[in-house]
C-alpha atoms as a PDB file:
ATOM      1  CA  UNK A   1      36.970  36.237   3.581  1.00  0.00           C
ATOM      2  CA  UNK A   2      35.983  32.562   3.299  1.00  0.00           C
ATOM      3  CA  UNK A   3      35.484  32.216   7.061  1.00  0.00           C
ATOM      4  CA  UNK A   4      33.196  35.247   7.222  1.00  0.00           C
ATOM      5  CA  UNK A   5      31.161  33.947   4.276  1.00  0.00           C
ATOM      6  CA  UNK A   6      30.768  30.517   5.943  1.00  0.00           C
ATOM      7  CA  UNK A   7      29.614  32.080   9.226  1.00  0.00           C
ATOM      8  CA  UNK A   8      27.052  34.243   7.392  1.00  0.00           C
ATOM      9  CA  UNK A   9      25.674  31.209   5.512  1.00  0.00           C
ATOM     10  CA  UNK A  10      25.361  29.247   8.773  1.00  0.00           C
ATOM     11  CA  UNK A  11      23.550  32.165  10.447  1.00  0.00           C
ATOM     12  CA  UNK A  12      21.176  32.605   7.478  1.00  0.00           C
ATOM     13  CA  UNK A  13      20.341  28.893   7.506  1.00  0.00           C
ATOM     14  CA  UNK A  14      19.802  28.958  11.285  1.00  0.00           C
ATOM     15  CA  UNK A  15      17.491  31.976  11.268  1.00  0.00           C
ATOM     16  CA  UNK A  16      15.693  30.746   8.151  1.00  0.00           C
ATOM     17  CA  UNK A  17      15.031  27.435   9.880  1.00  0.00           C
ATOM     18  CA  UNK A  18      13.693  29.238  12.971  1.00  0.00           C
ATOM     19  CA  UNK A  19      11.277  31.311  10.869  1.00  0.00           C
ATOM     20  CA  UNK A  20      10.059  28.295   8.897  1.00  0.00           C
ATOM     21  CA  UNK A  21       9.633  26.272  12.096  1.00  0.00           C
ATOM     22  CA  UNK A  22       7.391  28.987  13.537  1.00  0.00           C
ATOM     23  CA  UNK A  23       5.265  28.964  10.402  1.00  0.00           C
ATOM     24  CA  UNK A  24       4.957  25.204   9.903  1.00  0.00           C
ATOM     25  CA  UNK A  25       5.012  23.884  13.495  1.00  0.00           C
ATOM     26  CA  UNK A  26       1.269  24.493  14.112  1.00  0.00           C
ATOM     27  CA  UNK A  27       0.407  22.739  10.855  1.00  0.00           C
ATOM     28  CA  UNK A  28       2.618  19.798  11.750  1.00  0.00           C
ATOM     29  CA  UNK A  29       1.145  19.509  15.256  1.00  0.00           C
ATOM     30  CA  UNK A  30      -2.404  19.675  13.865  1.00  0.00           C
ATOM     31  CA  UNK A  31      -1.590  16.931  11.320  1.00  0.00           C
ATOM     32  CA  UNK A  32      -0.069  14.655  13.987  1.00  0.00           C
ATOM     33  CA  UNK A  33      -3.053  15.203  16.305  1.00  0.00           C
ATOM     34  CA  UNK A  34      -5.507  14.342  13.532  1.00  0.00           C
ATOM     35  CA  UNK A  35      -3.627  11.119  12.706  1.00  0.00           C
ATOM     36  CA  UNK A  36      -3.544  10.122  16.388  1.00  0.00           C
ATOM     37  CA  UNK A  37      -7.288  10.783  16.674  1.00  0.00           C
ATOM     38  CA  UNK A  38      -7.946   8.549  13.672  1.00  0.00           C
ATOM     39  CA  UNK A  39      -5.827   5.730  15.117  1.00  0.00           C
ATOM     40  CA  UNK A  40      -7.556   5.908  18.509  1.00  0.00           C
ATOM     41  CA  UNK A  41     -10.942   6.022  16.803  1.00  0.00           C
ATOM     42  CA  UNK A  42     -10.163   2.878  14.818  1.00  0.00           C
ATOM     43  CA  UNK A  43      -8.711   1.073  17.806  1.00  0.00           C
ATOM     44  CA  UNK A  44     -11.569   1.727  20.215  1.00  0.00           C
ATOM     45  CA  UNK A  45     -14.474   1.680  17.793  1.00  0.00           C
ATOM     46  CA  UNK A  46     -14.607   5.427  18.171  1.00  0.00           C
ATOM     47  CA  UNK A  47     -17.200   7.531  16.513  1.00  0.00           C
ATOM     48  CA  UNK A  48     -19.986   5.897  14.537  1.00  0.00           C
ATOM     49  CA  UNK A  49     -21.578   7.315  11.465  1.00  0.00           C
ATOM     50  CA  UNK A  50     -25.298   8.247  11.643  1.00  0.00           C
ATOM     51  CA  UNK A  51     -26.391   5.106   9.735  1.00  0.00           C
ATOM     52  CA  UNK A  52     -24.892   2.830  12.386  1.00  0.00           C
ATOM     53  CA  UNK A  53     -26.529   4.855  15.153  1.00  0.00           C
ATOM     54  CA  UNK A  54     -29.956   4.514  13.506  1.00  0.00           C
ATOM     55  CA  UNK A  55     -29.456   0.744  13.153  1.00  0.00           C
ATOM     56  CA  UNK A  56     -28.663   0.433  16.830  1.00  0.00           C
ATOM     57  CA  UNK A  57     -31.727   2.478  17.756  1.00  0.00           C
ATOM     58  CA  UNK A  58     -33.945   0.140  15.693  1.00  0.00           C
ATOM     59  CA  UNK A  59     -32.927  -2.807  17.847  1.00  0.00           C
ATOM     60  CA  UNK A  60     -35.046  -3.066  20.946  1.00  0.00           C
ATOM     61  CA  UNK A  61     -33.484  -3.123  24.370  1.00  0.00           C
ATOM     62  CA  UNK A  62     -32.838  -6.688  25.551  1.00  0.00           C
ATOM     63  CA  UNK A  63     -33.036  -8.139  22.029  1.00  0.00           C
ATOM     64  CA  UNK A  64     -30.465 -10.827  21.295  1.00  0.00           C
ATOM     65  CA  UNK A  65     -28.804 -10.835  17.890  1.00  0.00           C
ATOM     66  CA  UNK A  66     -26.616 -13.754  16.793  1.00  0.00           C
ATOM     67  CA  UNK A  67     -24.289 -12.814  13.967  1.00  0.00           C
ATOM     68  CA  UNK A  68     -22.419 -16.112  13.646  1.00  0.00           C
ATOM     69  CA  UNK A  69     -23.269 -19.617  14.756  1.00  0.00           C
ATOM     70  CA  UNK A  70     -20.443 -21.457  16.549  1.00  0.00           C
ATOM     71  CA  UNK A  71     -18.869 -24.524  14.953  1.00  0.00           C
ATOM     72  CA  UNK A  72     -20.232 -27.824  16.249  1.00  0.00           C
ATOM     73  CA  UNK A  73     -17.140 -29.782  15.193  1.00  0.00           C
ATOM     74  CA  UNK A  74     -15.183 -29.151  18.368  1.00  0.00           C
ATOM     75  CA  UNK A  75     -14.268 -32.312  20.204  1.00  0.00           C
ATOM     76  CA  UNK A  76     -13.569 -32.467  23.913  1.00  0.00           C
ATOM     77  CA  UNK A  77     -11.336 -35.529  23.512  1.00  0.00           C
ATOM     78  CA  UNK A  78      -8.332 -33.490  22.422  1.00  0.00           C
ATOM     79  CA  UNK A  79      -5.228 -34.067  24.521  1.00  0.00           C
ATOM     80  CA  UNK A  80      -4.732 -30.812  26.366  1.00  0.00           C
ATOM     81  CA  UNK A  81      -1.584 -31.671  28.266  1.00  0.00           C
ATOM     82  CA  UNK A  82      -0.014 -33.897  30.845  1.00  0.00           C
ATOM     83  CA  UNK A  83      -1.597 -33.874  34.285  1.00  0.00           C
ATOM     84  CA  UNK A  84       0.737 -34.243  37.272  1.00  0.00           C
ATOM     85  CA  UNK A  85      -0.366 -35.130  40.792  1.00  0.00           C
ATOM     86  CA  UNK A  86       1.310 -33.074  43.488  1.00  0.00           C
ATOM     87  CA  UNK A  87       1.218 -32.638  47.224  1.00  0.00           C
ATOM     88  CA  UNK A  88       1.341 -29.340  49.049  1.00  0.00           C
ATOM     89  CA  UNK A  89       4.155 -28.991  51.544  1.00  0.00           C
ATOM     90  CA  UNK A  90       3.401 -26.905  54.633  1.00  0.00           C
END
């Protein structure tokens, strides 16, 4: 009697899982696709909101905009590395 009961419980769990998977799989796939779209959009600059598009249209073609001035404190006297003379062997 115990063996038959165990087999029935296993079958009920198996078929219940199959039914639930059919119901929730499309929702899960849609959720994963939406998250992937958001990640790609963030990574590649993706879609811009309308305010950013209007700002870009206000700028004329060929206009140069400098957002940040470079630091003038860089010195070219920094030791970059050791230079080694070599000869090519044919």
